[in-house]
Protein backbone atom coordinates (compact mmCIF):
# COMPACT_ATOMS: atom_id res chain seq x y z
CA UNK A 1 144.09 185.79 106.83
CA UNK A 2 146.91 187.49 109.44
CA UNK A 3 148.48 186.18 112.43
CA UNK A 4 146.23 187.91 115.50
CA UNK A 5 146.46 186.92 119.47
CA UNK A 6 148.25 183.27 119.40
CA UNK A 7 146.88 181.94 116.29
CA UNK A 8 145.76 183.41 112.71
CA UNK A 9 142.82 184.77 111.85
CA UNK A 10 141.03 184.46 108.46
CA UNK A 11 138.89 186.71 106.99
CA UNK A 12 137.08 187.22 103.55
CA UNK A 13 133.98 186.48 101.44
CA UNK A 14 133.87 182.50 99.19
CA UNK A 15 131.50 182.46 95.96
CA UNK A 16 129.55 180.21 93.53
CA UNK A 17 127.32 178.30 96.68
CA UNK A 18 123.86 177.67 97.29
CA UNK A 19 122.02 179.96 98.72
CA UNK A 20 121.62 179.33 102.33
CA UNK A 21 124.36 175.65 101.71
CA UNK A 22 126.56 175.59 104.77
CA UNK A 23 129.86 174.31 104.27
CA UNK A 24 133.18 172.58 105.85
CA UNK A 25 135.67 174.66 105.63
CA UNK A 26 139.38 173.24 106.89
CA UNK A 27 143.35 173.73 106.69
CA UNK A 28 144.91 171.28 104.87
CA UNK A 29 148.08 169.54 105.00
CA UNK A 30 149.64 170.85 101.02
CA UNK A 31 149.66 173.74 99.59
CA UNK A 32 148.48 172.54 96.38
CA UNK A 33 145.36 172.85 94.02
CA UNK A 34 146.59 171.23 91.19
CA UNK A 35 143.89 168.61 91.08
CA UNK A 36 140.52 169.65 89.66
CA UNK A 37 139.17 167.65 92.70
CA UNK A 38 140.81 168.97 95.64
CA UNK A 39 142.65 165.96 96.46
CA UNK A 40 145.76 167.27 95.95
CA UNK A 41 145.81 169.19 99.27
CA UNK A 42 145.59 166.05 101.11
CA UNK A 43 144.26 165.59 104.04
CA UNK A 44 143.11 167.60 107.56
CA UNK A 45 146.90 169.93 108.23
CA UNK A 46 147.05 167.93 111.37
CA UNK A 47 150.62 168.01 112.87
CA UNK A 48 150.01 166.60 116.77
CA UNK A 49 148.56 163.75 115.29
CA UNK A 50 144.89 164.88 117.34
CA UNK A 51 141.03 163.19 116.17
CA UNK A 52 139.52 164.97 114.40
CA UNK A 53 136.84 167.45 116.31
CA UNK A 54 135.42 171.11 116.27
CA UNK A 55 137.58 173.90 116.41
CA UNK A 56 136.66 175.10 120.05
CA UNK A 57 136.52 171.73 121.40
CA UNK A 58 139.37 169.29 122.41
CA UNK A 59 140.76 167.33 120.80
CA UNK A 60 140.89 168.15 116.82
CA UNK A 61 142.68 168.58 113.89
CA UNK A 62 144.76 172.25 114.37
CA UNK A 63 143.11 172.69 110.88
CA UNK A 64 139.63 171.96 111.56
CA UNK A 65 137.59 175.32 111.54
CA UNK A 66 133.53 175.72 111.64
CA UNK A 67 131.19 175.22 108.90
CA UNK A 68 130.48 178.23 106.82
CA UNK A 69 127.35 178.77 105.48
CA UNK A 70 126.76 180.74 102.63
CA UNK A 71 123.65 184.03 102.58
CA UNK A 72 120.94 184.19 99.81
CA UNK A 73 123.19 185.23 98.25
CA UNK A 74 125.32 182.57 98.06
CA UNK A 75 128.27 183.63 99.41
CA UNK A 76 129.33 183.10 103.07
CA UNK A 77 131.64 185.22 104.56
CA UNK A 78 134.11 184.20 106.56
CA UNK A 79 135.40 185.79 109.46
CA UNK A 80 136.93 183.30 112.07
CA UNK A 81 140.19 183.26 114.87
CA UNK A 82 141.95 179.81 114.26
CA UNK A 83 143.82 179.20 117.41
CA UNK A 84 146.96 176.49 117.48
CA UNK A 85 148.01 177.35 114.68
CA UNK A 86 150.79 180.56 113.54
CA UNK A 87 151.20 181.83 109.91
CA UNK A 88 154.99 181.67 108.97
CA UNK A 89 158.32 181.10 110.50
CA UNK A 90 158.55 177.69 109.78
CA UNK A 91 157.19 175.79 112.62
CA UNK A 92 155.11 172.43 112.93
CA UNK A 93 152.03 175.09 113.72
CA UNK A 94 152.73 177.43 110.34
CA UNK A 95 150.31 177.17 108.22
CA UNK A 96 152.00 179.21 105.32
CA UNK A 97 152.04 177.47 102.21
CA UNK A 98 149.31 175.34 103.00
CA UNK A 99 145.51 175.24 101.36
CA UNK A 100 141.97 176.01 102.79
CA UNK A 101 139.36 173.70 101.00
CA UNK A 102 135.81 174.46 101.31
CA UNK A 103 133.65 170.98 101.44
CA UNK A 104 130.66 170.11 99.46
CA UNK A 105 129.09 169.51 102.36
CA UNK A 106 128.48 170.52 106.29
CA UNK A 107 131.44 169.01 108.69
CA UNK A 108 130.03 166.79 111.74
CA UNK A 109 132.35 167.44 113.70
CA UNK A 110 132.43 163.62 114.97
CA UNK A 111 132.94 161.53 112.18
CA UNK A 112 137.04 160.11 111.21
CA UNK A 113 139.16 161.05 109.80
CA UNK A 114 137.86 164.23 108.85
CA UNK A 115 133.84 165.50 109.49
CA UNK A 116 132.51 163.01 106.73
CA UNK A 117 131.55 166.86 104.66
CA UNK A 118 132.35 165.61 101.19
CA UNK A 119 134.24 166.49 97.99
CA UNK A 120 136.27 169.36 97.89
CA UNK A 121 134.40 172.39 95.86
CA UNK A 122 137.03 175.19 96.51
CA UNK A 123 140.70 175.57 97.36
CA UNK A 124 142.71 178.57 97.63
CA UNK A 125 146.80 178.48 99.47
CA UNK A 126 147.72 180.64 101.78
CA UNK A 127 149.90 182.50 100.87
CA UNK A 128 152.29 185.36 103.03
CA UNK A 129 152.40 189.02 101.19
CA UNK A 130 155.53 191.20 102.03
């Protein structure tokens, strides 16, 4: 995760998913992955109180991102730019210290409040490295 041109760029791999499967992928409000089911991360990061939607459309949560799709080995290769959020600085759109969640199902981009993407199957914390 790195700051870039009016947003944050997220790149990396997620392992252990079914080959060819699609999954909801969101920034959540709390940087807490302690619960086995991921619920400790809270809801989608949404500092502006917007309805859920697709990242490229208006309105949408600041934490809404496009679905990720696993390759034939079950590994999604993530490489996306998330506009409207910042990394560091402590402002209302700062995503440092928040969680990224992978959901069991794809996001439909319209069901409220969070796209009906199902269970949380992976959780990681956005951390700024010195």
